[in-house]
Amino acid sequence: IPFFQGEGVNLQLGIYQEGSVLNYLYYGVTKGIYPPLIFLGIGAMTDFSSLISNPRLMLLGAAAQVGIFLTFLGALFLGFNLPEAGSIGIIGGADGPTAIFLSSKLANGEIVNGMQTMNLIGPIAIAAYSYMALVPVIQPPIMRLLISKKERLIRMKSPRAVSKLEKIMFPIVALILTTLISPGALPLLGMLFFGNILKESGVTRRLAETARTSMVDIVNILLGLTVGASTQADVFITKQSLLIFILGAVSFMIATAGGIMFAKVMNLFLKGNAKINPLVGAAGVSAVPDSARVVQNEGLKYDPTNHLLMHAMAPNVSGVIGSAVAAGILMSFLL
């Protein structure tokens, strides 16, 4: 976009124009600054009690990440190179900040690991956030298709009370374990668990309140503004963008089905009130808390007294962790 020049005027416009305000703000997207800040706010909002009280539900969040790796293979089949396919695959995690973080590293229009990549940050971000918003539309039909009426009526044992010590120790232990598994995810998970410590410690209330309200709102505004401004016609209206949206839809459906089917497999080895309502498996995608709310609403349709929200939050928050771990694994192999 050219300069507007005149007497004493040299106004630079456009997000890709060096020196413009939008270009400076976009730096937070291209360098992966905004996503960790959003994770800090998410950590300060999140209560891990349901996950701590029933750790086996974490497996459902892990199972839902199958959508990421199958979409990665699908993107390779459609002609995207390795770094681009890795960025597209993360859409299956239904986690917008993680998708932006990974695409800023792997599909930023620069040479990555000897391969020239397209700038796919805008299409990937919009696809990820679009499918997060469409959770109430996409997930219920898949639930009804895969889960029998008898399974939808399963009542799960109430979560146990979690101590203050457990709440404080969980983010510390989880950070150490996830860093050993996926060092590349440290910027995201480090901020997530740091935000959670701010919340659970009880001595940094003002910091936790700022992180989960004012700060995360400001960062979301900047992220939405810059990503939206980056989707100019020559960058966004392309065949690749259409393929990304199709792959995103497929990956989200696979992820939902993966969590449900894994819950059904787990039930083969569980008895009595230890069984898991397969509806809860659909919350394994990391669209927090929308996916858990959809599970709650679907459960109430078949039994108005069967509240699944607290159970669904366990795989839901573990899905956030799982998608970040998957992003770190992809980065370690593709960078």
Protein backbone atom coordinates (compact mmCIF):
# COMPACT_ATOMS: atom_id res chain seq x y z
CA ILE A 1 0.00 0.00 0.00
CA PRO A 2 1.65 3.30 -1.06
CA PHE A 3 2.32 6.35 1.09
CA PHE A 4 -0.08 9.26 1.13
CA GLN A 5 2.32 12.17 0.66
CA GLY A 6 1.88 15.93 0.51
CA GLU A 7 3.21 19.06 2.07
CA GLY A 8 4.33 18.00 5.53
CA VAL A 9 2.38 14.74 5.25
CA ASN A 10 3.86 11.26 5.06
CA LEU A 11 1.14 8.90 6.27
CA GLN A 12 1.87 5.18 6.06
CA LEU A 13 -1.12 2.85 5.85
CA GLY A 14 -1.64 -0.91 5.97
CA ILE A 15 -0.56 -3.66 8.31
CA TYR A 16 2.27 -4.76 6.01
CA GLN A 17 3.63 -1.22 5.63
CA GLU A 18 6.77 -0.76 7.71
CA GLY A 19 6.43 2.04 10.21
CA SER A 20 2.62 2.05 10.37
CA VAL A 21 0.85 1.69 13.69
CA LEU A 22 -0.82 -1.56 12.63
CA ASN A 23 2.54 -2.95 11.55
CA TYR A 24 3.95 -2.37 15.02
CA LEU A 25 0.91 -3.95 16.65
CA TYR A 26 1.11 -6.90 14.23
CA TYR A 27 4.60 -7.57 15.59
CA GLY A 28 2.88 -9.17 18.59
CA VAL A 29 1.29 -11.72 16.24
CA THR A 30 4.27 -12.48 14.01
CA LYS A 31 6.63 -12.91 16.96
CA GLY A 32 4.20 -14.94 19.07
CA ILE A 33 3.84 -12.36 21.87
CA TYR A 34 0.05 -12.16 22.22
CA PRO A 35 -0.79 -15.90 22.61
CA PRO A 36 1.30 -16.43 25.79
CA LEU A 37 -0.28 -13.31 27.32
CA ILE A 38 -3.73 -14.74 26.57
CA PHE A 39 -2.66 -18.02 28.18
CA LEU A 40 -1.64 -16.05 31.28
CA GLY A 41 -5.19 -14.72 31.49
CA ILE A 42 -6.69 -18.17 30.84
CA GLY A 43 -4.58 -19.62 33.64
CA ALA A 44 -5.82 -16.94 36.02
CA MET A 45 -9.42 -17.82 35.07
CA THR A 46 -9.13 -21.61 35.23
CA ASP A 47 -10.02 -23.86 38.12
CA PHE A 48 -8.25 -27.22 37.72
CA SER A 49 -10.18 -28.81 40.61
CA SER A 50 -12.27 -31.10 38.40
CA LEU A 51 -9.14 -32.38 36.64
CA ILE A 52 -7.24 -32.88 39.91
CA SER A 53 -10.15 -34.78 41.46
CA ASN A 54 -10.46 -37.17 38.49
CA PRO A 55 -7.10 -37.28 36.61
CA ARG A 56 -8.15 -40.10 34.29
CA LEU A 57 -10.39 -37.63 32.44
CA MET A 58 -7.18 -36.03 31.21
CA LEU A 59 -6.94 -38.96 28.80
CA LEU A 60 -10.04 -37.69 27.01
CA GLY A 61 -8.34 -34.35 26.39
CA ALA A 62 -5.32 -36.20 25.03
CA ALA A 63 -7.46 -38.45 22.80
CA ALA A 64 -9.17 -35.43 21.22
CA GLN A 65 -5.79 -34.24 19.91
CA VAL A 66 -5.94 -37.02 17.30
CA GLY A 67 -7.64 -34.43 15.10
CA ILE A 68 -4.41 -32.39 15.03
CA PHE A 69 -2.21 -35.15 13.68
CA LEU A 70 -4.74 -36.51 11.17
CA THR A 71 -5.25 -32.99 9.82
CA PHE A 72 -1.48 -32.62 9.57
CA LEU A 73 -1.40 -35.69 7.32
CA GLY A 74 -4.38 -34.39 5.34
CA ALA A 75 -2.65 -31.04 4.72
CA LEU A 76 0.46 -32.85 3.47
CA PHE A 77 -1.74 -34.86 1.10
CA LEU A 78 -3.25 -31.64 -0.29
CA GLY A 79 0.17 -30.24 -1.15
CA PHE A 80 1.14 -28.05 1.79
CA ASN A 81 4.77 -28.39 2.89
CA LEU A 82 5.74 -29.72 6.33
CA PRO A 83 5.77 -26.44 8.32
CA GLU A 84 2.49 -25.26 6.74
CA ALA A 85 0.82 -28.62 7.39
CA GLY A 86 1.92 -28.49 11.03
CA SER A 87 0.35 -25.06 11.45
CA ILE A 88 -2.90 -26.12 9.78
CA GLY A 89 -3.13 -29.30 11.86
CA ILE A 90 -3.27 -27.39 15.15
CA ILE A 91 -6.72 -26.04 14.15
CA GLY A 92 -8.02 -29.45 15.26
CA GLY A 93 -7.23 -28.48 18.84
CA ALA A 94 -9.84 -25.68 18.64
CA ASP A 95 -7.47 -23.32 20.42
CA GLY A 96 -7.08 -19.94 18.71
CA PRO A 97 -4.03 -18.62 20.62
CA THR A 98 -2.13 -21.89 20.12
CA ALA A 99 -2.96 -21.88 16.40
CA ILE A 100 -1.66 -18.30 16.06
CA PHE A 101 1.46 -19.07 18.08
CA LEU A 102 2.37 -22.10 15.97
CA SER A 103 1.57 -20.49 12.61
CA SER A 104 3.70 -17.45 13.56
CA LYS A 105 6.62 -19.88 13.86
CA LEU A 106 5.93 -22.29 11.00
CA ALA A 107 3.79 -20.50 8.38
CA ASN A 108 4.85 -16.86 8.52
CA GLY A 109 5.81 -16.31 4.88
CA GLU A 110 9.52 -16.84 5.60
CA ILE A 111 11.93 -19.72 5.03
CA VAL A 112 11.41 -22.36 7.72
CA ASN A 113 13.81 -25.31 7.93
CA GLY A 114 14.93 -24.70 4.34
CA MET A 115 11.38 -24.47 2.96
CA GLN A 116 9.66 -21.29 1.76
CA THR A 117 6.29 -20.97 3.50
CA MET A 118 3.16 -18.96 2.77
CA ASN A 119 1.87 -16.46 5.33
CA LEU A 120 -1.08 -18.47 6.68
CA ILE A 121 -1.44 -16.73 10.05
CA GLY A 122 -4.67 -14.94 9.10
CA PRO A 123 -6.53 -17.89 7.52
CA ILE A 124 -5.45 -20.28 10.30
CA ALA A 125 -6.44 -17.85 13.06
CA ILE A 126 -9.84 -17.12 11.55
CA ALA A 127 -10.51 -20.83 10.93
CA ALA A 128 -9.55 -21.72 14.52
CA TYR A 129 -11.68 -19.00 16.11
CA SER A 130 -14.59 -19.68 13.73
CA TYR A 131 -14.81 -23.34 14.71
CA MET A 132 -14.47 -22.42 18.39
CA ALA A 133 -17.52 -20.19 17.95
CA LEU A 134 -19.37 -22.96 16.09
CA VAL A 135 -18.97 -25.51 18.91
CA PRO A 136 -22.75 -25.49 19.70
CA VAL A 137 -23.50 -26.17 16.03
CA ILE A 138 -20.85 -28.77 15.15
CA GLN A 139 -20.64 -30.94 18.27
CA PRO A 140 -24.29 -31.93 19.11
CA PRO A 141 -24.93 -33.85 15.84
CA ILE A 142 -21.69 -35.82 16.34
CA MET A 143 -22.68 -36.61 19.95
CA ARG A 144 -26.11 -37.87 18.89
CA LEU A 145 -24.60 -39.95 16.08
CA LEU A 146 -21.99 -41.73 18.20
CA ILE A 147 -23.62 -42.02 21.64
CA SER A 148 -26.62 -44.24 22.41
CA LYS A 149 -29.50 -43.01 24.54
CA LYS A 150 -28.49 -45.41 27.32
CA GLU A 151 -24.94 -44.01 27.37
CA ARG A 152 -26.20 -40.43 27.52
CA LEU A 153 -27.99 -41.26 30.79
CA ILE A 154 -24.86 -42.45 32.61
CA ARG A 155 -24.48 -40.61 35.92
CA MET A 156 -20.93 -39.96 37.03
CA LYS A 157 -19.70 -39.88 40.61
CA SER A 158 -19.49 -36.36 42.05
CA PRO A 159 -15.96 -34.88 42.04
CA ARG A 160 -14.19 -34.99 45.40
CA ALA A 161 -13.17 -31.87 47.28
CA VAL A 162 -9.68 -30.68 46.33
CA SER A 163 -7.35 -29.17 48.94
CA LYS A 164 -5.60 -25.83 48.64
CA LEU A 165 -2.20 -27.56 48.60
CA GLU A 166 -3.24 -29.71 45.64
CA LYS A 167 -4.39 -26.64 43.72
CA ILE A 168 -1.06 -24.90 44.27
CA MET A 169 1.09 -27.97 43.55
CA PHE A 170 -0.77 -28.96 40.36
CA PRO A 171 0.51 -26.12 38.10
CA ILE A 172 4.07 -26.59 39.38
CA VAL A 173 4.12 -30.36 38.78
CA ALA A 174 2.23 -30.06 35.48
CA LEU A 175 4.68 -27.43 34.20
CA ILE A 176 7.67 -29.66 34.95
CA LEU A 177 6.10 -32.72 33.30
CA THR A 178 4.83 -30.93 30.17
CA THR A 179 8.16 -29.13 29.72
CA LEU A 180 9.99 -32.47 29.75
CA ILE A 181 7.55 -33.85 27.16
CA SER A 182 7.33 -30.75 24.95
CA PRO A 183 9.91 -27.99 25.61
CA GLY A 184 8.55 -25.95 22.69
CA ALA A 185 5.27 -25.47 24.54
CA LEU A 186 6.96 -23.69 27.47
CA PRO A 187 6.00 -20.13 26.39
CA LEU A 188 2.32 -21.10 26.39
CA LEU A 189 2.12 -23.57 29.26
CA GLY A 190 4.56 -21.60 31.41
CA MET A 191 2.25 -18.58 31.23
CA LEU A 192 -0.86 -20.75 31.70
CA PHE A 193 0.42 -22.31 34.90
CA PHE A 194 1.94 -19.05 36.15
CA GLY A 195 -1.48 -17.41 35.78
CA ASN A 196 -3.04 -20.28 37.69
CA ILE A 197 -0.54 -19.90 40.54
CA LEU A 198 -1.41 -16.19 40.72
CA LYS A 199 -5.04 -17.25 41.20
CA GLU A 200 -4.58 -20.14 43.59
CA SER A 201 -1.86 -18.69 45.83
CA GLY A 202 -4.35 -16.27 47.35
CA VAL A 203 -1.72 -13.59 47.92
CA THR A 204 -1.67 -12.02 44.44
CA ARG A 205 -5.36 -11.32 44.00
CA ARG A 206 -4.88 -7.99 42.23
CA LEU A 207 -2.41 -9.48 39.72
CA ALA A 208 -4.71 -12.45 39.04
CA GLU A 209 -7.70 -10.12 38.62
CA THR A 210 -5.77 -7.91 36.19
CA ALA A 211 -4.52 -10.92 34.19
CA ARG A 212 -7.99 -12.45 33.71
CA THR A 213 -9.87 -9.19 33.03
CA SER A 214 -8.20 -6.00 31.80
CA MET A 215 -5.03 -7.51 30.37
CA VAL A 216 -6.59 -10.42 28.51
CA ASP A 217 -9.30 -8.10 27.11
CA ILE A 218 -6.70 -5.64 25.79
CA VAL A 219 -4.60 -8.40 24.23
CA ASN A 220 -7.67 -9.96 22.61
CA ILE A 221 -8.60 -6.59 21.09
CA LEU A 222 -5.10 -6.13 19.68
CA LEU A 223 -5.00 -9.72 18.42
CA GLY A 224 -8.39 -9.50 16.74
CA LEU A 225 -7.63 -6.11 15.19
CA THR A 226 -4.26 -7.10 13.74
CA VAL A 227 -5.25 -10.57 12.53
CA GLY A 228 -8.38 -9.14 10.93
CA ALA A 229 -6.38 -6.33 9.26
CA SER A 230 -3.88 -8.87 7.93
CA THR A 231 -6.50 -10.74 5.89
CA GLN A 232 -6.33 -8.57 2.79
CA ALA A 233 -7.83 -10.04 -0.35
CA ASP A 234 -4.49 -11.00 -1.93
CA VAL A 235 -3.50 -12.87 1.26
CA PHE A 236 -6.82 -14.31 2.40
CA ILE A 237 -9.05 -14.97 -0.64
CA THR A 238 -7.03 -17.84 -2.05
CA LYS A 239 -7.45 -21.54 -2.76
CA GLN A 240 -5.21 -22.31 0.21
CA SER A 241 -7.54 -20.45 2.59
CA LEU A 242 -10.51 -22.48 1.38
CA LEU A 243 -8.59 -25.72 1.90
CA ILE A 244 -7.61 -24.57 5.40
CA PHE A 245 -11.27 -23.96 6.31
CA ILE A 246 -12.28 -27.39 4.99
CA LEU A 247 -9.43 -29.12 6.85
CA GLY A 248 -10.32 -27.15 9.99
CA ALA A 249 -13.91 -28.36 9.92
CA VAL A 250 -12.86 -31.97 9.37
CA SER A 251 -10.21 -31.83 12.11
CA PHE A 252 -12.66 -30.37 14.62
CA MET A 253 -15.16 -33.15 13.92
CA ILE A 254 -12.42 -35.79 14.20
CA ALA A 255 -11.24 -34.31 17.50
CA THR A 256 -14.79 -34.37 18.91
CA ALA A 257 -15.30 -37.95 17.77
CA GLY A 258 -11.89 -38.97 19.13
CA GLY A 259 -12.77 -37.84 22.66
CA ILE A 260 -16.17 -39.55 22.53
CA MET A 261 -14.84 -42.86 21.22
CA PHE A 262 -12.02 -42.94 23.76
CA ALA A 263 -14.56 -42.47 26.56
CA LYS A 264 -16.49 -45.46 25.18
CA VAL A 265 -13.28 -47.53 25.12
CA MET A 266 -12.49 -46.56 28.72
CA ASN A 267 -15.97 -47.70 29.78
CA LEU A 268 -15.12 -51.23 28.61
CA PHE A 269 -12.74 -51.43 31.58
CA LEU A 270 -14.83 -49.53 34.14
CA LYS A 271 -17.78 -50.70 36.23
CA GLY A 272 -20.69 -49.16 38.12
CA ASN A 273 -20.51 -45.48 38.98
CA ALA A 274 -16.90 -45.39 37.77
CA LYS A 275 -18.16 -45.32 34.17
CA ILE A 276 -17.79 -42.15 32.12
CA ASN A 277 -20.65 -40.50 30.26
CA PRO A 278 -19.30 -40.40 26.65
CA LEU A 279 -20.80 -36.92 26.23
CA VAL A 280 -17.95 -35.72 28.43
CA GLY A 281 -15.44 -36.94 25.84
CA ALA A 282 -16.62 -34.28 23.40
CA ALA A 283 -15.22 -31.62 25.76
CA GLY A 284 -11.69 -32.88 25.05
CA VAL A 285 -11.31 -30.17 22.40
CA SER A 286 -9.88 -27.09 24.05
CA ALA A 287 -12.70 -24.65 23.28
CA VAL A 288 -12.99 -23.56 26.92
CA PRO A 289 -15.63 -23.33 28.31
CA ASP A 290 -18.02 -23.54 25.35
CA SER A 291 -17.50 -27.24 24.75
CA ALA A 292 -18.18 -28.08 28.41
CA ARG A 293 -21.39 -26.04 28.25
CA VAL A 294 -22.54 -27.95 25.18
CA VAL A 295 -21.95 -31.22 27.05
CA GLN A 296 -23.97 -29.91 30.00
CA ASN A 297 -26.87 -28.85 27.77
CA GLU A 298 -26.91 -32.14 25.88
CA GLY A 299 -26.89 -34.13 29.12
CA LEU A 300 -29.80 -32.14 30.55
CA LYS A 301 -31.90 -32.86 27.45
CA TYR A 302 -31.96 -36.56 28.33
CA ASP A 303 -31.93 -36.25 32.13
CA PRO A 304 -32.71 -32.82 33.65
CA THR A 305 -31.04 -33.86 36.92
CA ASN A 306 -27.76 -35.10 35.39
CA HIS A 307 -25.31 -32.20 35.58
CA LEU A 308 -22.12 -32.92 33.61
CA LEU A 309 -20.51 -29.46 33.58
CA MET A 310 -17.91 -30.06 36.30
CA HIS A 311 -17.00 -33.45 34.81
CA ALA A 312 -16.70 -31.92 31.33
CA MET A 313 -14.37 -29.16 32.54
CA ALA A 314 -11.68 -31.78 33.30
CA PRO A 315 -11.13 -32.92 29.67
CA ASN A 316 -11.84 -29.36 28.51
CA VAL A 317 -8.91 -27.81 30.40
CA SER A 318 -6.72 -30.83 29.68
CA GLY A 319 -7.48 -30.20 26.00
CA VAL A 320 -5.92 -26.74 26.37
CA ILE A 321 -2.80 -28.36 27.81
CA GLY A 322 -2.87 -31.12 25.18
CA SER A 323 -3.10 -28.76 22.21
CA ALA A 324 -0.18 -26.70 23.54
CA VAL A 325 1.88 -29.87 24.04
CA ALA A 326 1.03 -30.98 20.49
CA ALA A 327 2.11 -27.57 19.18
CA GLY A 328 5.41 -27.90 21.01
CA ILE A 329 5.98 -31.38 19.58
CA LEU A 330 5.29 -30.15 16.03
CA MET A 331 7.68 -27.23 16.54
CA SER A 332 10.44 -29.50 17.82
CA PHE A 333 10.22 -31.67 14.70
CA LEU A 334 9.56 -28.99 12.07
CA LEU A 335 11.75 -26.07 13.15
